[in-house]
N, C-alpha and C. Protein backbone atom coordinates (compact mmCIF):
# COMPACT_ATOMS: atom_id res chain seq x y z
N UNK A 1 9.52 -25.83 20.62
CA UNK A 1 9.85 -26.05 19.22
C UNK A 1 9.97 -24.72 18.47
N UNK A 2 8.99 -23.83 18.66
CA UNK A 2 9.01 -22.54 17.97
C UNK A 2 9.30 -21.42 18.97
N UNK A 3 10.41 -21.49 19.65
CA UNK A 3 10.72 -20.49 20.67
C UNK A 3 11.30 -19.22 20.09
N UNK A 4 11.92 -19.28 18.92
CA UNK A 4 12.53 -18.11 18.30
C UNK A 4 11.49 -17.40 17.43
N UNK A 5 10.72 -16.49 18.04
CA UNK A 5 9.64 -15.80 17.33
C UNK A 5 10.01 -14.35 17.05
N UNK A 6 11.16 -14.13 16.46
CA UNK A 6 11.58 -12.77 16.19
C UNK A 6 10.83 -12.17 15.01
N UNK A 7 10.39 -12.96 14.09
CA UNK A 7 9.66 -12.45 12.93
C UNK A 7 10.58 -11.72 11.98
N UNK A 8 10.00 -10.78 11.26
CA UNK A 8 10.77 -10.02 10.28
C UNK A 8 11.46 -8.86 10.97
N UNK A 9 12.71 -8.65 10.65
CA UNK A 9 13.46 -7.56 11.26
C UNK A 9 13.32 -6.27 10.49
N UNK A 10 13.96 -5.22 10.97
CA UNK A 10 13.84 -3.93 10.29
C UNK A 10 14.43 -3.93 8.88
N UNK A 11 15.52 -4.65 8.68
CA UNK A 11 16.11 -4.70 7.34
C UNK A 11 15.20 -5.47 6.39
N UNK A 12 14.59 -6.54 6.86
CA UNK A 12 13.64 -7.28 6.04
C UNK A 12 12.43 -6.44 5.67
N UNK A 13 11.96 -5.63 6.61
CA UNK A 13 10.81 -4.76 6.34
C UNK A 13 11.17 -3.70 5.31
N UNK A 14 12.36 -3.15 5.41
CA UNK A 14 12.80 -2.15 4.43
C UNK A 14 12.93 -2.78 3.05
N UNK A 15 13.44 -4.00 2.99
CA UNK A 15 13.56 -4.68 1.69
C UNK A 15 12.19 -4.98 1.10
N UNK A 16 11.23 -5.42 1.92
CA UNK A 16 9.87 -5.64 1.44
C UNK A 16 9.24 -4.35 0.93
N UNK A 17 9.49 -3.26 1.64
CA UNK A 17 8.99 -1.94 1.23
C UNK A 17 9.56 -1.55 -0.13
N UNK A 18 10.86 -1.74 -0.32
CA UNK A 18 11.51 -1.39 -1.59
C UNK A 18 10.97 -2.25 -2.72
N UNK A 19 10.82 -3.55 -2.49
CA UNK A 19 10.28 -4.44 -3.53
C UNK A 19 8.86 -4.03 -3.90
N UNK A 20 8.04 -3.70 -2.90
CA UNK A 20 6.67 -3.27 -3.18
C UNK A 20 6.65 -1.99 -4.00
N UNK A 21 7.48 -1.02 -3.64
CA UNK A 21 7.51 0.25 -4.36
C UNK A 21 7.98 0.05 -5.80
N UNK A 22 8.98 -0.78 -6.01
CA UNK A 22 9.45 -1.05 -7.38
C UNK A 22 8.36 -1.71 -8.20
N UNK A 23 7.69 -2.71 -7.64
CA UNK A 23 6.60 -3.36 -8.37
C UNK A 23 5.46 -2.37 -8.64
N UNK A 24 5.21 -1.48 -7.69
CA UNK A 24 4.15 -0.50 -7.86
C UNK A 24 4.44 0.41 -9.04
N UNK A 25 5.67 0.92 -9.12
CA UNK A 25 6.02 1.83 -10.21
C UNK A 25 6.10 1.12 -11.55
N UNK A 26 6.43 -0.15 -11.56
CA UNK A 26 6.57 -0.86 -12.83
C UNK A 26 5.24 -1.33 -13.40
N UNK A 27 4.32 -1.79 -12.54
CA UNK A 27 3.13 -2.43 -13.08
C UNK A 27 1.85 -2.07 -12.34
N UNK A 28 1.84 -2.16 -11.07
CA UNK A 28 0.60 -2.04 -10.30
C UNK A 28 -0.02 -0.65 -10.33
N UNK A 29 0.79 0.40 -10.35
CA UNK A 29 0.27 1.76 -10.32
C UNK A 29 -0.58 2.09 -11.53
N UNK A 30 -0.12 1.74 -12.71
CA UNK A 30 -0.90 2.00 -13.92
C UNK A 30 -2.19 1.21 -13.96
N UNK A 31 -2.11 -0.02 -13.51
CA UNK A 31 -3.30 -0.87 -13.51
C UNK A 31 -4.35 -0.33 -12.54
N UNK A 32 -3.94 0.07 -11.34
CA UNK A 32 -4.88 0.60 -10.36
C UNK A 32 -5.48 1.91 -10.85
N UNK A 33 -4.69 2.75 -11.50
CA UNK A 33 -5.22 4.01 -12.04
C UNK A 33 -6.28 3.74 -13.11
N UNK A 34 -6.03 2.77 -13.97
CA UNK A 34 -7.01 2.41 -15.00
C UNK A 34 -8.30 1.86 -14.39
N UNK A 35 -8.16 1.01 -13.40
CA UNK A 35 -9.34 0.43 -12.74
C UNK A 35 -10.15 1.52 -12.04
N UNK A 36 -9.48 2.44 -11.36
CA UNK A 36 -10.18 3.52 -10.68
C UNK A 36 -10.90 4.44 -11.65
N UNK A 37 -10.24 4.80 -12.76
CA UNK A 37 -10.88 5.66 -13.75
C UNK A 37 -12.07 4.96 -14.40
N UNK A 38 -11.93 3.68 -14.67
CA UNK A 38 -13.04 2.93 -15.27
C UNK A 38 -14.21 2.82 -14.30
N UNK A 39 -13.93 2.65 -13.01
CA UNK A 39 -15.00 2.56 -12.02
C UNK A 39 -15.79 3.87 -11.95
N UNK A 40 -15.10 5.00 -12.03
CA UNK A 40 -15.78 6.29 -11.98
C UNK A 40 -16.60 6.51 -13.25
N UNK A 41 -16.02 6.17 -14.39
CA UNK A 41 -16.70 6.42 -15.67
C UNK A 41 -17.92 5.51 -15.86
N UNK A 42 -17.79 4.25 -15.53
CA UNK A 42 -18.87 3.29 -15.80
C UNK A 42 -19.99 3.35 -14.77
N UNK A 43 -19.68 3.74 -13.54
CA UNK A 43 -20.70 3.72 -12.49
C UNK A 43 -21.26 5.09 -12.17
N UNK A 44 -20.75 6.12 -12.82
CA UNK A 44 -21.26 7.46 -12.58
C UNK A 44 -21.05 7.94 -11.16
N UNK A 45 -19.89 7.67 -10.59
CA UNK A 45 -19.62 8.05 -9.22
C UNK A 45 -19.38 9.56 -9.11
N UNK A 46 -19.80 10.13 -8.00
CA UNK A 46 -19.56 11.55 -7.73
C UNK A 46 -19.14 11.71 -6.29
N UNK A 47 -18.65 12.89 -5.97
CA UNK A 47 -18.31 13.21 -4.59
C UNK A 47 -17.08 12.49 -4.09
N UNK A 48 -17.14 12.09 -2.84
CA UNK A 48 -15.99 11.49 -2.17
C UNK A 48 -15.63 10.14 -2.76
N UNK A 49 -16.62 9.42 -3.27
CA UNK A 49 -16.34 8.12 -3.89
C UNK A 49 -15.49 8.31 -5.14
N UNK A 50 -15.87 9.27 -5.99
CA UNK A 50 -15.10 9.54 -7.21
C UNK A 50 -13.70 10.04 -6.86
N UNK A 51 -13.60 10.88 -5.85
CA UNK A 51 -12.29 11.38 -5.43
C UNK A 51 -11.39 10.24 -4.98
N UNK A 52 -11.94 9.33 -4.19
CA UNK A 52 -11.14 8.20 -3.69
C UNK A 52 -10.71 7.28 -4.82
N UNK A 53 -11.62 6.99 -5.76
CA UNK A 53 -11.25 6.10 -6.86
C UNK A 53 -10.27 6.75 -7.82
N UNK A 54 -10.41 8.04 -8.07
CA UNK A 54 -9.48 8.71 -8.97
C UNK A 54 -8.09 8.84 -8.35
N UNK A 55 -8.01 8.90 -7.04
CA UNK A 55 -6.74 9.03 -6.34
C UNK A 55 -6.40 7.76 -5.57
N UNK A 56 -6.71 6.62 -6.14
CA UNK A 56 -6.51 5.35 -5.47
C UNK A 56 -5.03 5.07 -5.21
N UNK A 57 -4.15 5.44 -6.12
CA UNK A 57 -2.72 5.24 -5.90
C UNK A 57 -2.23 6.04 -4.70
N UNK A 58 -2.71 7.27 -4.57
CA UNK A 58 -2.32 8.10 -3.43
C UNK A 58 -2.83 7.49 -2.13
N UNK A 59 -4.06 7.01 -2.13
CA UNK A 59 -4.62 6.39 -0.92
C UNK A 59 -3.82 5.16 -0.52
N UNK A 60 -3.45 4.35 -1.48
CA UNK A 60 -2.69 3.13 -1.18
C UNK A 60 -1.32 3.48 -0.62
N UNK A 61 -0.66 4.47 -1.19
CA UNK A 61 0.66 4.86 -0.69
C UNK A 61 0.56 5.44 0.72
N UNK A 62 -0.46 6.24 0.99
CA UNK A 62 -0.63 6.80 2.34
C UNK A 62 -0.85 5.69 3.35
N UNK A 63 -1.73 4.72 3.02
CA UNK A 63 -1.97 3.62 3.95
C UNK A 63 -0.73 2.73 4.11
N UNK A 64 0.08 2.62 3.07
CA UNK A 64 1.30 1.82 3.18
C UNK A 64 2.28 2.50 4.14
N UNK A 65 2.44 3.81 4.02
CA UNK A 65 3.34 4.53 4.91
C UNK A 65 2.82 4.47 6.35
N UNK A 66 1.52 4.65 6.53
CA UNK A 66 0.94 4.54 7.88
C UNK A 66 1.12 3.14 8.45
N UNK A 67 0.98 2.12 7.61
CA UNK A 67 1.20 0.75 8.06
C UNK A 67 2.64 0.50 8.46
N UNK A 68 3.58 1.04 7.70
CA UNK A 68 5.00 0.89 8.06
C UNK A 68 5.30 1.60 9.38
N UNK A 69 4.72 2.78 9.57
CA UNK A 69 4.93 3.50 10.82
C UNK A 69 4.33 2.75 12.00
N UNK A 70 3.14 2.17 11.79
CA UNK A 70 2.52 1.39 12.86
C UNK A 70 3.33 0.15 13.17
N UNK A 71 3.87 -0.50 12.14
CA UNK A 71 4.71 -1.68 12.37
C UNK A 71 5.95 -1.31 13.15
N UNK A 72 6.57 -0.18 12.79
CA UNK A 72 7.78 0.23 13.51
C UNK A 72 7.46 0.57 14.96
N UNK A 73 6.30 1.16 15.21
CA UNK A 73 5.96 1.56 16.58
C UNK A 73 5.49 0.38 17.43
N UNK A 74 4.60 -0.44 16.89
CA UNK A 74 4.00 -1.51 17.68
C UNK A 74 4.73 -2.84 17.59
N UNK A 75 5.15 -3.24 16.38
CA UNK A 75 5.66 -4.58 16.21
C UNK A 75 7.12 -4.68 15.88
N UNK A 76 7.79 -3.59 15.69
CA UNK A 76 9.18 -3.63 15.25
C UNK A 76 10.19 -3.78 16.35
N UNK A 77 9.77 -3.76 17.57
CA UNK A 77 10.71 -3.87 18.69
C UNK A 77 11.11 -5.32 18.89
N UNK A 78 12.41 -5.53 19.06
CA UNK A 78 12.86 -6.90 19.22
C UNK A 78 13.63 -7.07 20.49
């Protein structure tokens, strides 16, 4: 019944990536920056925790690129 298990193709993955980046620049990036700054200010974070929360957008983008690379290497073959 479910023999065609091709999943999402490379063009679909690129489109999902573009949609995510557009949404990130329009709304999610500012919200995450505010949440990270508030977490540092209200909880008195220092060191690596404060660095990670202040640069949360950068961390998310790095993990997204690493995830895309892993998908292309491990799961993108059809």
